[in-house]
Amino acid sequence: EEIKAKKKEFLAKTAKVKKQKPNRNQQLIAFLNAIKPEIKQS
């Protein structure tokens, strides 16, 4: 009974936490899109 009562607490403590980090790739693509005319000209 005690195990069943603490099941959710146990699973919450062992769950993998995903960290939110900025996607550098999106920032790079946005930057390259901003200079796309210069890239094409080059």
Full PDB file with SEQRES, HELIX, SHEET, SSBOND, CRYST1, ORIGX, SCALE, CONECT and MASTER records, all heavy atoms in Angstrom:
SEQRES   1 A   42  GLU GLU ILE LYS ALA LYS LYS LYS GLU PHE LEU ALA LYS          
SEQRES   2 A   42  THR ALA LYS VAL LYS LYS GLN LYS PRO ASN ARG ASN GLN          
SEQRES   3 A   42  GLN LEU ILE ALA PHE LEU ASN ALA ILE LYS PRO GLU ILE          
SEQRES   4 A   42  LYS GLN SER                                                  
HELIX    1 AA1 GLU A    2  ALA A    5  1                                   4    
HELIX    2 AA2 LYS A    7  THR A   14  1                                   8    
HELIX    3 AA3 ARG A   24  ALA A   34  1                                  11    
HELIX    4 AA4 LYS A   36  GLN A   41  1                                   6    
CRYST1    1.000    1.000    1.000  90.00  90.00  90.00 P 1           1          
ORIGX1      1.000000  0.000000  0.000000        0.00000                         
ORIGX2      0.000000  1.000000  0.000000        0.00000                         
ORIGX3      0.000000  0.000000  1.000000        0.00000                         
SCALE1      1.000000  0.000000  0.000000        0.00000                         
SCALE2      0.000000  1.000000  0.000000        0.00000                         
SCALE3      0.000000  0.000000  1.000000        0.00000                         
ATOM      1  N   GLU A   1       0.835  -1.208   0.000  1.00  0.00           N  
ATOM      2  CA  GLU A   1       0.000   0.000   0.000  1.00  0.00           C  
ATOM      3  C   GLU A   1       0.869   1.257   0.000  1.00  0.00           C  
ATOM      4  O   GLU A   1       0.584   2.227  -0.693  1.00  0.00           O  
ATOM      5  CB  GLU A   1      -0.957   0.012   1.206  1.00  0.00           C  
ATOM      6  CG  GLU A   1      -2.063  -1.023   1.169  1.00  0.00           C  
ATOM      7  CD  GLU A   1      -1.596  -2.424   1.557  1.00  0.00           C  
ATOM      8  OE1 GLU A   1      -0.596  -2.553   2.321  1.00  0.00           O  
ATOM      9  OE2 GLU A   1      -2.204  -3.397   1.077  1.00  0.00           O  
ATOM     10  N   GLU A   2       1.947   1.243   0.790  1.00  0.00           N  
ATOM     11  CA  GLU A   2       2.855   2.394   0.836  1.00  0.00           C  
ATOM     12  C   GLU A   2       3.579   2.567  -0.497  1.00  0.00           C  
ATOM     13  O   GLU A   2       3.783   3.687  -0.951  1.00  0.00           O  
ATOM     14  CB  GLU A   2       3.882   2.221   1.964  1.00  0.00           C  
ATOM     15  CG  GLU A   2       3.277   2.322   3.355  1.00  0.00           C  
ATOM     16  CD  GLU A   2       4.270   1.952   4.446  1.00  0.00           C  
ATOM     17  OE1 GLU A   2       5.128   1.079   4.215  1.00  0.00           O  
ATOM     18  OE2 GLU A   2       4.183   2.550   5.532  1.00  0.00           O  
ATOM     19  N   ILE A   3       3.934   1.454  -1.120  1.00  0.00           N  
ATOM     20  CA  ILE A   3       4.597   1.517  -2.430  1.00  0.00           C  
ATOM     21  C   ILE A   3       3.666   2.139  -3.459  1.00  0.00           C  
ATOM     22  O   ILE A   3       4.051   3.021  -4.219  1.00  0.00           O  
ATOM     23  CB  ILE A   3       5.058   0.107  -2.879  1.00  0.00           C  
ATOM     24  CG1 ILE A   3       6.176  -0.387  -1.958  1.00  0.00           C  
ATOM     25  CG2 ILE A   3       5.502   0.126  -4.339  1.00  0.00           C  
ATOM     26  CD1 ILE A   3       6.557  -1.837  -2.173  1.00  0.00           C  
ATOM     27  N   LYS A   4       2.421   1.676  -3.481  1.00  0.00           N  
ATOM     28  CA  LYS A   4       1.433   2.209  -4.435  1.00  0.00           C  
ATOM     29  C   LYS A   4       1.180   3.696  -4.193  1.00  0.00           C  
ATOM     30  O   LYS A   4       1.020   4.462  -5.125  1.00  0.00           O  
ATOM     31  CB  LYS A   4       0.127   1.426  -4.351  1.00  0.00           C  
ATOM     32  CG  LYS A   4       0.213   0.043  -4.956  1.00  0.00           C  
ATOM     33  CD  LYS A   4      -1.104  -0.686  -4.860  1.00  0.00           C  
ATOM     34  CE  LYS A   4      -0.996  -2.094  -5.446  1.00  0.00           C  
ATOM     35  NZ  LYS A   4      -2.256  -2.830  -5.326  1.00  0.00           N  
ATOM     36  N   ALA A   5       1.153   4.098  -2.923  1.00  0.00           N  
ATOM     37  CA  ALA A   5       0.890   5.492  -2.585  1.00  0.00           C  
ATOM     38  C   ALA A   5       2.026   6.406  -3.041  1.00  0.00           C  
ATOM     39  O   ALA A   5       1.798   7.565  -3.389  1.00  0.00           O  
ATOM     40  CB  ALA A   5       0.670   5.632  -1.080  1.00  0.00           C  
ATOM     41  N   LYS A   6       3.252   5.904  -3.079  1.00  0.00           N  
ATOM     42  CA  LYS A   6       4.398   6.736  -3.436  1.00  0.00           C  
ATOM     43  C   LYS A   6       4.894   6.502  -4.865  1.00  0.00           C  
ATOM     44  O   LYS A   6       5.940   7.004  -5.253  1.00  0.00           O  
ATOM     45  CB  LYS A   6       5.536   6.494  -2.446  1.00  0.00           C  
ATOM     46  CG  LYS A   6       5.187   6.964  -1.050  1.00  0.00           C  
ATOM     47  CD  LYS A   6       6.378   6.979  -0.160  1.00  0.00           C  
ATOM     48  CE  LYS A   6       6.008   7.572   1.191  1.00  0.00           C  
ATOM     49  NZ  LYS A   6       7.157   7.980   1.934  1.00  0.00           N  
ATOM     50  N   LYS A   7       4.107   5.756  -5.642  1.00  0.00           N  
ATOM     51  CA  LYS A   7       4.511   5.421  -7.009  1.00  0.00           C  
ATOM     52  C   LYS A   7       4.736   6.677  -7.860  1.00  0.00           C  
ATOM     53  O   LYS A   7       5.761   6.821  -8.526  1.00  0.00           O  
ATOM     54  CB  LYS A   7       3.448   4.531  -7.652  1.00  0.00           C  
ATOM     55  CG  LYS A   7       3.772   4.100  -9.062  1.00  0.00           C  
ATOM     56  CD  LYS A   7       2.663   3.203  -9.608  1.00  0.00           C  
ATOM     57  CE  LYS A   7       2.975   2.812 -11.037  1.00  0.00           C  
ATOM     58  NZ  LYS A   7       1.924   1.939 -11.589  1.00  0.00           N  
ATOM     59  N   LYS A   8       3.785   7.617  -7.817  1.00  0.00           N  
ATOM     60  CA  LYS A   8       3.897   8.843  -8.616  1.00  0.00           C  
ATOM     61  C   LYS A   8       5.103   9.680  -8.176  1.00  0.00           C  
ATOM     62  O   LYS A   8       5.803  10.250  -9.003  1.00  0.00           O  
ATOM     63  CB  LYS A   8       2.616   9.672  -8.537  1.00  0.00           C  
ATOM     64  CG  LYS A   8       1.473   9.085  -9.326  1.00  0.00           C  
ATOM     65  CD  LYS A   8       0.261   9.965  -9.290  1.00  0.00           C  
ATOM     66  CE  LYS A   8      -0.896   9.326 -10.039  1.00  0.00           C  
ATOM     67  NZ  LYS A   8      -2.095  10.147  -9.971  1.00  0.00           N  
ATOM     68  N   GLU A   9       5.318   9.755  -6.880  1.00  0.00           N  
ATOM     69  CA  GLU A   9       6.455  10.511  -6.356  1.00  0.00           C  
ATOM     70  C   GLU A   9       7.774   9.911  -6.847  1.00  0.00           C  
ATOM     71  O   GLU A   9       8.680  10.619  -7.278  1.00  0.00           O  
ATOM     72  CB  GLU A   9       6.413  10.521  -4.829  1.00  0.00           C  
ATOM     73  CG  GLU A   9       7.554  11.278  -4.196  1.00  0.00           C  
ATOM     74  CD  GLU A   9       7.556  11.180  -2.670  1.00  0.00           C  
ATOM     75  OE1 GLU A   9       6.552  10.743  -2.087  1.00  0.00           O  
ATOM     76  OE2 GLU A   9       8.596  11.537  -2.078  1.00  0.00           O  
ATOM     77  N   PHE A  10       7.869   8.582  -6.814  1.00  0.00           N  
ATOM     78  CA  PHE A  10       9.070   7.896  -7.284  1.00  0.00           C  
ATOM     79  C   PHE A  10       9.301   8.156  -8.771  1.00  0.00           C  
ATOM     80  O   PHE A  10      10.406   8.503  -9.192  1.00  0.00           O  
ATOM     81  CB  PHE A  10       8.932   6.385  -7.025  1.00  0.00           C  
ATOM     82  CG  PHE A  10      10.077   5.587  -7.584  1.00  0.00           C  
ATOM     83  CD1 PHE A  10      11.279   5.505  -6.903  1.00  0.00           C  
ATOM     84  CD2 PHE A  10       9.955   4.921  -8.792  1.00  0.00           C  
ATOM     85  CE1 PHE A  10      12.332   4.771  -7.416  1.00  0.00           C  
ATOM     86  CE2 PHE A  10      11.005   4.192  -9.313  1.00  0.00           C  
ATOM     87  CZ  PHE A  10      12.200   4.110  -8.627  1.00  0.00           C  
ATOM     88  N   LEU A  11       8.255   8.009  -9.584  1.00  0.00           N  
ATOM     89  CA  LEU A  11       8.385   8.221 -11.025  1.00  0.00           C  
ATOM     90  C   LEU A  11       8.737   9.667 -11.352  1.00  0.00           C  
ATOM     91  O   LEU A  11       9.496   9.932 -12.284  1.00  0.00           O  
ATOM     92  CB  LEU A  11       7.105   7.791 -11.747  1.00  0.00           C  
ATOM     93  CG  LEU A  11       6.825   6.281 -11.720  1.00  0.00           C  
ATOM     94  CD1 LEU A  11       5.474   5.988 -12.356  1.00  0.00           C  
ATOM     95  CD2 LEU A  11       7.929   5.507 -12.408  1.00  0.00           C  
ATOM     96  N   ALA A  12       8.205  10.599 -10.579  1.00  0.00           N  
ATOM     97  CA  ALA A  12       8.523  12.011 -10.806  1.00  0.00           C  
ATOM     98  C   ALA A  12       9.991  12.296 -10.522  1.00  0.00           C  
ATOM     99  O   ALA A  12      10.639  13.073 -11.229  1.00  0.00           O  
ATOM    100  CB  ALA A  12       7.634  12.892  -9.933  1.00  0.00           C  
ATOM    101  N   LYS A  13      10.535  11.654  -9.507  1.00  0.00           N  
ATOM    102  CA  LYS A  13      11.936  11.873  -9.157  1.00  0.00           C  
ATOM    103  C   LYS A  13      12.889  11.224 -10.154  1.00  0.00           C  
ATOM    104  O   LYS A  13      14.016  11.672 -10.316  1.00  0.00           O  
ATOM    105  CB  LYS A  13      12.227  11.344  -7.745  1.00  0.00           C  
ATOM    106  CG  LYS A  13      11.626  12.194  -6.654  1.00  0.00           C  
ATOM    107  CD  LYS A  13      11.966  11.657  -5.292  1.00  0.00           C  
ATOM    108  CE  LYS A  13      11.378  12.537  -4.204  1.00  0.00           C  
ATOM    109  NZ  LYS A  13      11.705  12.070  -2.856  1.00  0.00           N  
ATOM    110  N   THR A  14      12.447  10.158 -10.796  1.00  0.00           N  
ATOM    111  CA  THR A  14      13.316   9.453 -11.729  1.00  0.00           C  
ATOM    112  C   THR A  14      13.106   9.877 -13.180  1.00  0.00           C  
ATOM    113  O   THR A  14      13.839   9.436 -14.063  1.00  0.00           O  
ATOM    114  CB  THR A  14      13.111   7.925 -11.639  1.00  0.00           C  
ATOM    115  OG1 THR A  14      11.751   7.626 -11.953  1.00  0.00           O  
ATOM    116  CG2 THR A  14      13.468   7.402 -10.268  1.00  0.00           C  
ATOM    117  N   ALA A  15      12.111  10.725 -13.423  1.00  0.00           N  
ATOM    118  CA  ALA A  15      11.837  11.159 -14.790  1.00  0.00           C  
ATOM    119  C   ALA A  15      12.984  12.012 -15.313  1.00  0.00           C  
ATOM    120  O   ALA A  15      13.579  12.815 -14.583  1.00  0.00           O  
ATOM    121  CB  ALA A  15      10.537  11.944 -14.846  1.00  0.00           C  
ATOM    122  N   LYS A  16      13.295  11.836 -16.578  1.00  0.00           N  
ATOM    123  CA  LYS A  16      14.364  12.606 -17.208  1.00  0.00           C  
ATOM    124  C   LYS A  16      13.835  14.008 -17.506  1.00  0.00           C  
ATOM    125  O   LYS A  16      12.798  14.169 -18.136  1.00  0.00           O  
ATOM    126  CB  LYS A  16      14.794  11.911 -18.501  1.00  0.00           C  
ATOM    127  CG  LYS A  16      16.017  12.494 -19.123  1.00  0.00           C  
ATOM    128  CD  LYS A  16      16.471  11.657 -20.306  1.00  0.00           C  
ATOM    129  CE  LYS A  16      17.763  12.192 -20.854  1.00  0.00           C  
ATOM    130  NZ  LYS A  16      18.243  11.381 -21.973  1.00  0.00           N  
ATOM    131  N   VAL A  17      14.569  14.994 -17.059  1.00  0.00           N  
ATOM    132  CA  VAL A  17      14.169  16.378 -17.257  1.00  0.00           C  
ATOM    133  C   VAL A  17      14.852  16.918 -18.510  1.00  0.00           C  
ATOM    134  O   VAL A  17      16.074  16.862 -18.634  1.00  0.00           O  
ATOM    135  CB  VAL A  17      14.546  17.244 -16.026  1.00  0.00           C  
ATOM    136  CG1 VAL A  17      14.164  18.685 -16.244  1.00  0.00           C  
ATOM    137  CG2 VAL A  17      13.888  16.687 -14.777  1.00  0.00           C  
ATOM    138  N   LYS A  18      14.045  17.401 -19.444  1.00  0.00           N  
ATOM    139  CA  LYS A  18      14.613  17.984 -20.661  1.00  0.00           C  
ATOM    140  C   LYS A  18      14.890  19.457 -20.414  1.00  0.00           C  
ATOM    141  O   LYS A  18      14.012  20.207 -19.994  1.00  0.00           O  
ATOM    142  CB  LYS A  18      13.641  17.839 -21.831  1.00  0.00           C  
ATOM    143  CG  LYS A  18      13.466  16.423 -22.287  1.00  0.00           C  
ATOM    144  CD  LYS A  18      12.607  16.351 -23.520  1.00  0.00           C  
ATOM    145  CE  LYS A  18      12.469  14.928 -24.003  1.00  0.00           C  
ATOM    146  NZ  LYS A  18      11.668  14.846 -25.226  1.00  0.00           N  
ATOM    147  N   LYS A  19      16.121  19.836 -20.654  1.00  0.00           N  
ATOM    148  CA  LYS A  19      16.491  21.235 -20.485  1.00  0.00           C  
ATOM    149  C   LYS A  19      16.191  21.987 -21.772  1.00  0.00           C  
ATOM    150  O   LYS A  19      16.482  21.505 -22.858  1.00  0.00           O  
ATOM    151  CB  LYS A  19      17.978  21.357 -20.155  1.00  0.00           C  
ATOM    152  CG  LYS A  19      18.351  20.774 -18.817  1.00  0.00           C  
ATOM    153  CD  LYS A  19      19.822  20.942 -18.535  1.00  0.00           C  
ATOM    154  CE  LYS A  19      20.183  20.338 -17.192  1.00  0.00           C  
ATOM    155  NZ  LYS A  19      21.613  20.425 -16.924  1.00  0.00           N  
ATOM    156  N   GLN A  20      15.615  23.140 -21.627  1.00  0.00           N  
ATOM    157  CA  GLN A  20      15.336  23.982 -22.784  1.00  0.00           C  
ATOM    158  C   GLN A  20      16.573  24.814 -23.080  1.00  0.00           C  
ATOM    159  O   GLN A  20      17.008  25.604 -22.259  1.00  0.00           O  
ATOM    160  CB  GLN A  20      14.144  24.912 -22.502  1.00  0.00           C  
ATOM    161  CG  GLN A  20      12.832  24.180 -22.321  1.00  0.00           C  
ATOM    162  CD  GLN A  20      12.342  23.529 -23.588  1.00  0.00           C  
ATOM    163  OE1 GLN A  20      12.656  23.975 -24.679  1.00  0.00           O  
ATOM    164  NE2 GLN A  20      11.591  22.451 -23.453  1.00  0.00           N  
ATOM    165  N   LYS A  21      17.149  24.594 -24.244  1.00  0.00           N  
ATOM    166  CA  LYS A  21      18.290  25.398 -24.626  1.00  0.00           C  
ATOM    167  C   LYS A  21      18.022  25.989 -25.998  1.00  0.00           C  
ATOM    168  O   LYS A  21      17.362  25.372 -26.834  1.00  0.00           O  
ATOM    169  CB  LYS A  21      19.586  24.580 -24.617  1.00  0.00           C  
ATOM    170  CG  LYS A  21      19.557  23.297 -25.392  1.00  0.00           C  
ATOM    171  CD  LYS A  21      20.864  22.554 -25.185  1.00  0.00           C  
ATOM    172  CE  LYS A  21      20.760  21.162 -25.807  1.00  0.00           C  
ATOM    173  NZ  LYS A  21      21.975  20.403 -25.605  1.00  0.00           N  
ATOM    174  N   PRO A  22      18.502  27.188 -26.241  1.00  0.00           N  
ATOM    175  CA  PRO A  22      18.230  27.816 -27.528  1.00  0.00           C  
ATOM    176  C   PRO A  22      18.885  27.022 -28.649  1.00  0.00           C  
ATOM    177  O   PRO A  22      19.998  26.518 -28.508  1.00  0.00           O  
ATOM    178  CB  PRO A  22      18.867  29.205 -27.403  1.00  0.00           C  
ATOM    179  CG  PRO A  22      19.876  29.054 -26.326  1.00  0.00           C  
ATOM    180  CD  PRO A  22      19.357  27.992 -25.391  1.00  0.00           C  
ATOM    181  N   ASN A  23      18.162  26.916 -29.739  1.00  0.00           N  
ATOM    182  CA  ASN A  23      18.683  26.172 -30.873  1.00  0.00           C  
ATOM    183  C   ASN A  23      19.591  27.090 -31.679  1.00  0.00           C  
ATOM    184  O   ASN A  23      19.131  27.974 -32.387  1.00  0.00           O  
ATOM    185  CB  ASN A  23      17.528  25.647 -31.726  1.00  0.00           C  
ATOM    186  CG  ASN A  23      17.998  24.672 -32.780  1.00  0.00           C  
ATOM    187  OD1 ASN A  23      19.185  24.596 -33.087  1.00  0.00           O  
ATOM    188  ND2 ASN A  23      17.073  23.925 -33.332  1.00  0.00           N  
ATOM    189  N   ARG A  24      20.887  26.868 -31.550  1.00  0.00           N  
ATOM    190  CA  ARG A  24      21.855  27.714 -32.252  1.00  0.00           C  
ATOM    191  C   ARG A  24      21.689  27.588 -33.755  1.00  0.00           C  
ATOM    192  O   ARG A  24      21.940  28.519 -34.489  1.00  0.00           O  
ATOM    193  CB  ARG A  24      23.268  27.313 -31.864  1.00  0.00           C  
ATOM    194  CG  ARG A  24      23.620  27.637 -30.449  1.00  0.00           C  
ATOM    195  CD  ARG A  24      25.053  27.289 -30.172  1.00  0.00           C  
ATOM    196  NE  ARG A  24      25.333  27.397 -28.758  1.00  0.00           N  
ATOM    197  CZ  ARG A  24      26.414  26.945 -28.198  1.00  0.00           C  
ATOM    198  NH1 ARG A  24      27.322  26.333 -28.917  1.00  0.00           N  
ATOM    199  NH2 ARG A  24      26.614  27.085 -26.912  1.00  0.00           N  
ATOM    200  N   ASN A  25      21.280  26.401 -34.191  1.00  0.00           N  
ATOM    201  CA  ASN A  25      21.132  26.169 -35.613  1.00  0.00           C  
ATOM    202  C   ASN A  25      20.092  27.113 -36.208  1.00  0.00           C  
ATOM    203  O   ASN A  25      20.281  27.645 -37.298  1.00  0.00           O  
ATOM    204  CB  ASN A  25      20.756  24.707 -35.876  1.00  0.00           C  
ATOM    205  CG  ASN A  25      20.990  24.299 -37.301  1.00  0.00           C  
ATOM    206  OD1 ASN A  25      21.839  24.848 -37.986  1.00  0.00           O  
ATOM    207  ND2 ASN A  25      20.225  23.334 -37.760  1.00  0.00           N  
ATOM    208  N   GLN A  26      18.989  27.347 -35.499  1.00  0.00           N  
ATOM    209  CA  GLN A  26      17.956  28.258 -35.984  1.00  0.00           C  
ATOM    210  C   GLN A  26      18.514  29.685 -36.069  1.00  0.00           C  
ATOM    211  O   GLN A  26      18.208  30.408 -37.005  1.00  0.00           O  
ATOM    212  CB  GLN A  26      16.733  28.220 -35.079  1.00  0.00           C  
ATOM    213  CG  GLN A  26      15.920  26.957 -35.218  1.00  0.00           C  
ATOM    214  CD  GLN A  26      14.737  26.927 -34.270  1.00  0.00           C  
ATOM    215  OE1 GLN A  26      14.703  27.669 -33.281  1.00  0.00           O  
ATOM    216  NE2 GLN A  26      13.781  26.061 -34.547  1.00  0.00           N  
ATOM    217  N   GLN A  27      19.309  30.065 -35.093  1.00  0.00           N  
ATOM    218  CA  GLN A  27      19.900  31.405 -35.107  1.00  0.00           C  
ATOM    219  C   GLN A  27      20.871  31.544 -36.272  1.00  0.00           C  
ATOM    220  O   GLN A  27      20.907  32.578 -36.931  1.00  0.00           O  
ATOM    221  CB  GLN A  27      20.610  31.680 -33.789  1.00  0.00           C  
ATOM    222  CG  GLN A  27      19.670  31.781 -32.608  1.00  0.00           C  
ATOM    223  CD  GLN A  27      20.407  31.878 -31.285  1.00  0.00           C  
ATOM    224  OE1 GLN A  27      21.558  31.486 -31.173  1.00  0.00           O  
ATOM    225  NE2 GLN A  27      19.721  32.402 -30.281  1.00  0.00           N  
ATOM    226  N   LEU A  28      21.649  30.486 -36.537  1.00  0.00           N  
ATOM    227  CA  LEU A  28      22.590  30.511 -37.646  1.00  0.00           C  
ATOM    228  C   LEU A  28      21.854  30.611 -38.976  1.00  0.00           C  
ATOM    229  O   LEU A  28      22.228  31.401 -39.841  1.00  0.00           O  
ATOM    230  CB  LEU A  28      23.467  29.252 -37.621  1.00  0.00           C  
ATOM    231  CG  LEU A  28      24.435  29.091 -38.786  1.00  0.00           C  
ATOM    232  CD1 LEU A  28      25.450  30.222 -38.808  1.00  0.00           C  
ATOM    233  CD2 LEU A  28      25.136  27.749 -38.715  1.00  0.00           C  
ATOM    234  N   ILE A  29      20.788  29.836 -39.141  1.00  0.00           N  
ATOM    235  CA  ILE A  29      20.013  29.867 -40.375  1.00  0.00           C  
ATOM    236  C   ILE A  29      19.391  31.247 -40.578  1.00  0.00           C  
ATOM    237  O   ILE A  29      19.390  31.780 -41.691  1.00  0.00           O  
ATOM    238  CB  ILE A  29      18.944  28.753 -40.377  1.00  0.00           C  
ATOM    239  CG1 ILE A  29      19.641  27.391 -40.501  1.00  0.00           C  
ATOM    240  CG2 ILE A  29      17.939  28.933 -41.502  1.00  0.00           C  
ATOM    241  CD1 ILE A  29      18.740  26.198 -40.267  1.00  0.00           C  
ATOM    242  N   ALA A  30      18.885  31.843 -39.512  1.00  0.00           N  
ATOM    243  CA  ALA A  30      18.307  33.185 -39.619  1.00  0.00           C  
ATOM    244  C   ALA A  30      19.368  34.199 -40.052  1.00  0.00           C  
ATOM    245  O   ALA A  30      19.115  35.065 -40.892  1.00  0.00           O  
ATOM    246  CB  ALA A  30      17.686  33.598 -38.287  1.00  0.00           C  
ATOM    247  N   PHE A  31      20.578  34.062 -39.488  1.00  0.00           N  
ATOM    248  CA  PHE A  31      21.669  34.961 -39.864  1.00  0.00           C  
ATOM    249  C   PHE A  31      22.043  34.768 -41.323  1.00  0.00           C  
ATOM    250  O   PHE A  31      22.183  35.744 -42.073  1.00  0.00           O  
ATOM    251  CB  PHE A  31      22.889  34.711 -38.968  1.00  0.00           C  
ATOM    252  CG  PHE A  31      24.151  35.344 -39.485  1.00  0.00           C  
ATOM    253  CD1 PHE A  31      24.326  36.723 -39.412  1.00  0.00           C  
ATOM    254  CD2 PHE A  31      25.139  34.578 -40.067  1.00  0.00           C  
ATOM    255  CE1 PHE A  31      25.471  37.310 -39.912  1.00  0.00           C  
ATOM    256  CE2 PHE A  31      26.294  35.157 -40.559  1.00  0.00           C  
ATOM    257  CZ  PHE A  31      26.459  36.531 -40.480  1.00  0.00           C  
ATOM    258  N   LEU A  32      22.203  33.516 -41.750  1.00  0.00           N  
ATOM    259  CA  LEU A  32      22.578  33.251 -43.141  1.00  0.00           C  
ATOM    260  C   LEU A  32      21.488  33.712 -44.105  1.00  0.00           C  
ATOM    261  O   LEU A  32      21.788  34.200 -45.198  1.00  0.00           O  
ATOM    262  CB  LEU A  32      22.886  31.767 -43.343  1.00  0.00           C  
ATOM    263  CG  LEU A  32      24.157  31.261 -42.653  1.00  0.00           C  
ATOM    264  CD1 LEU A  32      24.277  29.752 -42.776  1.00  0.00           C  
ATOM    265  CD2 LEU A  32      25.396  31.942 -43.202  1.00  0.00           C  
ATOM    266  N   ASN A  33      20.229  33.591 -43.702  1.00  0.00           N  
ATOM    267  CA  ASN A  33      19.133  34.090 -44.541  1.00  0.00           C  
ATOM    268  C   ASN A  33      19.222  35.610 -44.689  1.00  0.00           C  
ATOM    269  O   ASN A  33      18.878  36.157 -45.746  1.00  0.00           O  
ATOM    270  CB  ASN A  33      17.772  33.699 -43.964  1.00  0.00           C  
ATOM    271  CG  ASN A  33      17.324  32.339 -44.437  1.00  0.00           C  
ATOM    272  OD1 ASN A  33      17.520  31.964 -45.585  1.00  0.00           O  
ATOM    273  ND2 ASN A  33      16.708  31.586 -43.543  1.00  0.00           N  
ATOM    274  N   ALA A  34      19.671  36.280 -43.630  1.00  0.00           N  
ATOM    275  CA  ALA A  34      19.777  37.740 -43.682  1.00  0.00           C  
ATOM    276  C   ALA A  34      20.857  38.193 -44.661  1.00  0.00           C  
ATOM    277  O   ALA A  34      20.746  39.264 -45.255  1.00  0.00           O  
ATOM    278  CB  ALA A  34      20.061  38.291 -42.284  1.00  0.00           C  
ATOM    279  N   ILE A  35      21.897  37.366 -44.833  1.00  0.00           N  
ATOM    280  CA  ILE A  35      22.975  37.753 -45.754  1.00  0.00           C  
ATOM    281  C   ILE A  35      22.958  36.914 -47.038  1.00  0.00           C  
ATOM    282  O   ILE A  35      23.944  36.882 -47.775  1.00  0.00           O  
ATOM    283  CB  ILE A  35      24.361  37.669 -45.066  1.00  0.00           C  
ATOM    284  CG1 ILE A  35      24.684  36.235 -44.640  1.00  0.00           C  
ATOM    285  CG2 ILE A  35      24.466  38.638 -43.907  1.00  0.00           C  
ATOM    286  CD1 ILE A  35      26.137  36.042 -44.249  1.00  0.00           C  
ATOM    287  N   LYS A  36      21.823  36.271 -47.305  1.00  0.00           N  
ATOM    288  CA  LYS A  36      21.716  35.412 -48.490  1.00  0.00           C  
ATOM    289  C   LYS A  36      22.033  36.149 -49.788  1.00  0.00           C  
ATOM    290  O   LYS A  36      22.759  35.605 -50.633  1.00  0.00           O  
ATOM    291  CB  LYS A  36      20.325  34.774 -48.570  1.00  0.00           C  
ATOM    292  CG  LYS A  36      20.263  33.682 -49.625  1.00  0.00           C  
ATOM    293  CD  LYS A  36      18.897  33.085 -49.924  1.00  0.00           C  
ATOM    294  CE  LYS A  36      17.989  32.835 -48.807  1.00  0.00           C  
ATOM    295  NZ  LYS A  36      16.754  32.135 -49.200  1.00  0.00           N  
ATOM    296  N   PRO A  37      21.571  37.388 -49.982  1.00  0.00           N  
ATOM    297  CA  PRO A  37      21.920  38.084 -51.232  1.00  0.00           C  
ATOM    298  C   PRO A  37      23.436  38.264 -51.409  1.00  0.00           C  
ATOM    299  O   PRO A  37      23.958  38.115 -52.510  1.00  0.00           O  
ATOM    300  CB  PRO A  37      21.219  39.433 -51.111  1.00  0.00           C  
ATOM    301  CG  PRO A  37      20.119  39.216 -50.129  1.00  0.00           C  
ATOM    302  CD  PRO A  37      20.618  38.165 -49.188  1.00  0.00           C  
ATOM    303  N   GLU A  38      24.122  38.559 -50.306  1.00  0.00           N  
ATOM    304  CA  GLU A  38      25.569  38.720 -50.368  1.00  0.00           C  
ATOM    305  C   GLU A  38      26.255  37.386 -50.687  1.00  0.00           C  
ATOM    306  O   GLU A  38      27.242  37.347 -51.425  1.00  0.00           O  
ATOM    307  CB  GLU A  38      26.115  39.294 -49.051  1.00  0.00           C  
ATOM    308  CG  GLU A  38      25.765  40.745 -48.808  1.00  0.00           C  
ATOM    309  CD  GLU A  38      24.362  40.953 -48.238  1.00  0.00           C  
ATOM    310  OE1 GLU A  38      23.629  39.966 -48.006  1.00  0.00           O  
ATOM    311  OE2 GLU A  38      23.988  42.113 -48.034  1.00  0.00           O  
ATOM    312  N   ILE A  39      25.715  36.301 -50.125  1.00  0.00           N  
ATOM    313  CA  ILE A  39      26.272  34.972 -50.401  1.00  0.00           C  
ATOM    314  C   ILE A  39      26.118  34.654 -51.886  1.00  0.00           C  
ATOM    315  O   ILE A  39      27.071  34.224 -52.542  1.00  0.00           O  
ATOM    316  CB  ILE A  39      25.587  33.898 -49.525  1.00  0.00           C  
ATOM    317  CG1 ILE A  39      25.954  34.095 -48.053  1.00  0.00           C  
ATOM    318  CG2 ILE A  39      25.975  32.492 -49.987  1.00  0.00           C  
ATOM    319  CD1 ILE A  39      25.177  33.219 -47.081  1.00  0.00           C  
ATOM    320  N   LYS A  40      24.908  34.884 -52.417  1.00  0.00           N  
ATOM    321  CA  LYS A  40      24.665  34.608 -53.845  1.00  0.00           C  
ATOM    322  C   LYS A  40      25.579  35.451 -54.720  1.00  0.00           C  
ATOM    323  O   LYS A  40      26.123  34.967 -55.714  1.00  0.00           O  
ATOM    324  CB  LYS A  40      23.200  34.881 -54.193  1.00  0.00           C  
ATOM    325  CG  LYS A  40      22.248  33.834 -53.680  1.00  0.00           C  
ATOM    326  CD  LYS A  40      20.828  34.135 -54.118  1.00  0.00           C  
ATOM    327  CE  LYS A  40      19.868  33.048 -53.701  1.00  0.00           C  
ATOM    328  NZ  LYS A  40      18.496  33.315 -54.139  1.00  0.00           N  
ATOM    329  N   GLN A  41      25.760  36.723 -54.361  1.00  0.00           N  
ATOM    330  CA  GLN A  41      26.625  37.621 -55.138  1.00  0.00           C  
ATOM    331  C   GLN A  41      28.074  37.128 -55.108  1.00  0.00           C  
ATOM    332  O   GLN A  41      28.749  37.116 -56.131  1.00  0.00           O  
ATOM    333  CB  GLN A  41      26.536  39.046 -54.581  1.00  0.00           C  
ATOM    334  CG  GLN A  41      27.356  40.063 -55.344  1.00  0.00           C  
ATOM    335  CD  GLN A  41      26.822  40.297 -56.748  1.00  0.00           C  
ATOM    336  OE1 GLN A  41      25.613  40.350 -56.949  1.00  0.00           O  
ATOM    337  NE2 GLN A  41      27.708  40.425 -57.719  1.00  0.00           N  
ATOM    338  N   SER A  42      28.522  36.704 -53.943  1.00  0.00           N  
ATOM    339  CA  SER A  42      29.898  36.207 -53.811  1.00  0.00           C  
ATOM    340  C   SER A  42      30.111  34.958 -54.656  1.00  0.00           C  
ATOM    341  O   SER A  42      31.138  34.811 -55.314  1.00  0.00           O  
ATOM    342  CB  SER A  42      30.209  35.875 -52.349  1.00  0.00           C  
ATOM    343  OG  SER A  42      30.098  37.034 -51.551  1.00  0.00           O  
TER     344      SER A  42                                                      
MASTER        0    0    0    4    0    0    0    6  343    1    0    4          
END                                                                             
